[in-house]
Amino acid sequence: MKFINCIISIFIFIIFLSLNSCGIYKKVDQREMPDGAKAKARKNIEEGRGTSLGTVLGKRGGSFEFSSSNPMWRATLETLDFLPMSTVDYSGGIIITDWYEDDQNPGKSIKITIRFLSNEISANSLKIVVHEKSCTSSNNCSTIIVTNSTIKNELNTVILREAALLKKNQNKKK
């Protein structure tokens, strides 16, 4: 039994020595390291490090903006500000309103879902889905997706117009 313990101890000692000589624990002189993330990134690029799979394949990273600087997002929120919101997720690119019932149409309510397909100001950047719920009594309701809706077309037009104005004002400030 002592012989096996001795062999295991020697084996562990050899593994420790071989891993230590691989350079895992490399001493670094902090005076030679640049300060700041940009300086470190520049030094890594100069030394040939810092290549990712995306750069090898020719893909670029996405552009990340704050929601306040995205004119499509701001225009949509300003257009729908009279509706109660159920879900507002900028990172997921979706806005879902809660059911809204107008006083003029009792028993009928709508729910609007807007998906952002891109940050560009174009008609193809938004996917608007309008759901309509009709209730004859409190327990008897039916819900349908409205395909040809004037609400959908008007929302698309108003949002695009508002986003274009916001973008124009944003460019003037720069």
Foldseek 3Di string as FASTA:
>chain_A
DVVVVVVVVVVVVVVVVVVVVVCPPPDDDVVPADDDDVSNCVVCVVVVHDDDPCVVVPHDDDDDDDLVPQLLSVLLCVVCVVFAWDDDDVVQQKTKTDWDDDPVDPQKTKIKIWGAQDSDLDLVRIDIWIKMWGDPDPPRIDIDIDDDDPVVVVSSVSSSVRSVVVVVVVVVVD
